[in-house]
C-alpha atoms as a PDB file:
ATOM      1  CA  MET A   1       0.018  -0.025   0.012  1.00  0.00           C
ATOM      2  CA  ARG A   2       1.290   3.309  -0.812  1.00  0.00           C
ATOM      3  CA  TYR A   3       0.622   6.547   1.129  1.00  0.00           C
ATOM      4  CA  LYS A   4       1.889  10.125   1.281  1.00  0.00           C
ATOM      5  CA  THR A   5       3.631  11.725   4.231  1.00  0.00           C
ATOM      6  CA  ASN A   6       4.744  15.194   4.766  1.00  0.00           C
ATOM      7  CA  PRO A   7       7.208  16.552   7.420  1.00  0.00           C
ATOM      8  CA  ASN A   8       4.905  19.423   8.024  1.00  0.00           C
ATOM      9  CA  TRP A   9       1.967  17.185   8.956  1.00  0.00           C
ATOM     10  CA  TYR A  10       1.627  16.414  12.609  1.00  0.00           C
ATOM     11  CA  GLU A  11       3.714  13.242  13.213  1.00  0.00           C
ATOM     12  CA  ASN A  12       3.768  12.975   9.434  1.00  0.00           C
ATOM     13  CA  GLU A  13       0.202  12.210   9.423  1.00  0.00           C
ATOM     14  CA  LEU A  14      -2.537  13.976   7.290  1.00  0.00           C
ATOM     15  CA  THR A  15      -4.759  16.600   8.950  1.00  0.00           C
ATOM     16  CA  VAL A  16      -7.949  17.990   7.946  1.00  0.00           C
ATOM     17  CA  ASP A  17      -9.734  21.417   8.513  1.00  0.00           C
ATOM     18  CA  VAL A  18     -13.267  21.396   8.928  1.00  0.00           C
ATOM     19  CA  LYS A  19     -15.108  24.528   8.569  1.00  0.00           C
ATOM     20  CA  GLU A  20     -18.747  25.037   9.537  1.00  0.00           C
ATOM     21  CA  LEU A  21     -21.085  26.164   6.633  1.00  0.00           C
ATOM     22  CA  THR A  22     -22.314  29.665   7.003  1.00  0.00           C
ATOM     23  CA  GLU A  23     -25.897  30.380   6.782  1.00  0.00           C
ATOM     24  CA  GLU A  24     -25.676  31.963   3.361  1.00  0.00           C
ATOM     25  CA  GLU A  25     -23.667  29.022   2.026  1.00  0.00           C
ATOM     26  CA  ALA A  26     -26.129  26.528   3.495  1.00  0.00           C
ATOM     27  CA  LYS A  27     -29.024  28.405   1.866  1.00  0.00           C
ATOM     28  CA  ARG A  28     -27.345  28.650  -1.528  1.00  0.00           C
ATOM     29  CA  ARG A  29     -26.791  24.887  -1.561  1.00  0.00           C
ATOM     30  CA  LEU A  30     -30.349  24.186  -0.655  1.00  0.00           C
ATOM     31  CA  GLU A  31     -31.551  26.305  -3.679  1.00  0.00           C
ATOM     32  CA  GLU A  32     -29.178  24.686  -5.906  1.00  0.00           C
ATOM     33  CA  HIS A  33     -30.226  21.166  -5.107  1.00  0.00           C
ATOM     34  CA  PRO A  34     -33.545  21.351  -3.136  1.00  0.00           C
ATOM     35  CA  VAL A  35     -34.662  17.791  -3.868  1.00  0.00           C
ATOM     36  CA  LYS A  36     -31.256  16.327  -2.581  1.00  0.00           C
ATOM     37  CA  TRP A  37     -31.514  18.333   0.741  1.00  0.00           C
ATOM     38  CA  LYS A  38     -35.453  18.177   1.455  1.00  0.00           C
ATOM     39  CA  LYS A  39     -35.966  14.479   0.796  1.00  0.00           C
ATOM     40  CA  THR A  40     -34.827  11.848   3.445  1.00  0.00           C
ATOM     41  CA  GLU A  41     -33.497   8.405   2.320  1.00  0.00           C
ATOM     42  CA  ASP A  42     -36.975   7.288   3.825  1.00  0.00           C
ATOM     43  CA  GLY A  43     -38.969   9.342   1.519  1.00  0.00           C
ATOM     44  CA  ILE A  44     -39.764  12.060   4.007  1.00  0.00           C
ATOM     45  CA  GLU A  45     -39.969  15.525   2.738  1.00  0.00           C
ATOM     46  CA  LEU A  46     -38.342  18.232   5.237  1.00  0.00           C
ATOM     47  CA  SER A  47     -39.117  21.813   5.687  1.00  0.00           C
ATOM     48  CA  ASP A  48     -36.497  24.494   4.392  1.00  0.00           C
ATOM     49  CA  GLU A  49     -35.520  25.128   8.184  1.00  0.00           C
ATOM     50  CA  ASP A  50     -35.039  21.386   8.760  1.00  0.00           C
ATOM     51  CA  ALA A  51     -33.015  20.945   5.542  1.00  0.00           C
ATOM     52  CA  LEU A  52     -30.827  23.867   6.358  1.00  0.00           C
ATOM     53  CA  THR A  53     -29.942  22.317   9.729  1.00  0.00           C
ATOM     54  CA  LEU A  54     -29.237  18.884   8.084  1.00  0.00           C
ATOM     55  CA  LEU A  55     -26.871  20.931   5.348  1.00  0.00           C
ATOM     56  CA  LYS A  56     -24.975  22.596   8.438  1.00  0.00           C
ATOM     57  CA  HIS A  57     -24.427  19.366  10.278  1.00  0.00           C
ATOM     58  CA  GLN A  58     -23.468  16.979   7.696  1.00  0.00           C
END
């Protein structure tokens, strides 16, 4: 197995920065793909408010 290391990484391991979505970014994504975010895998339709919450906590 091949893997990449970098001496600038903590103990030569990859680090990942996670940024929380802003309200504006979440709204933009919801407007771009409303069906993707408003429909659950179980077929339940979410309100815009619930879909935004889902977006921001994924």
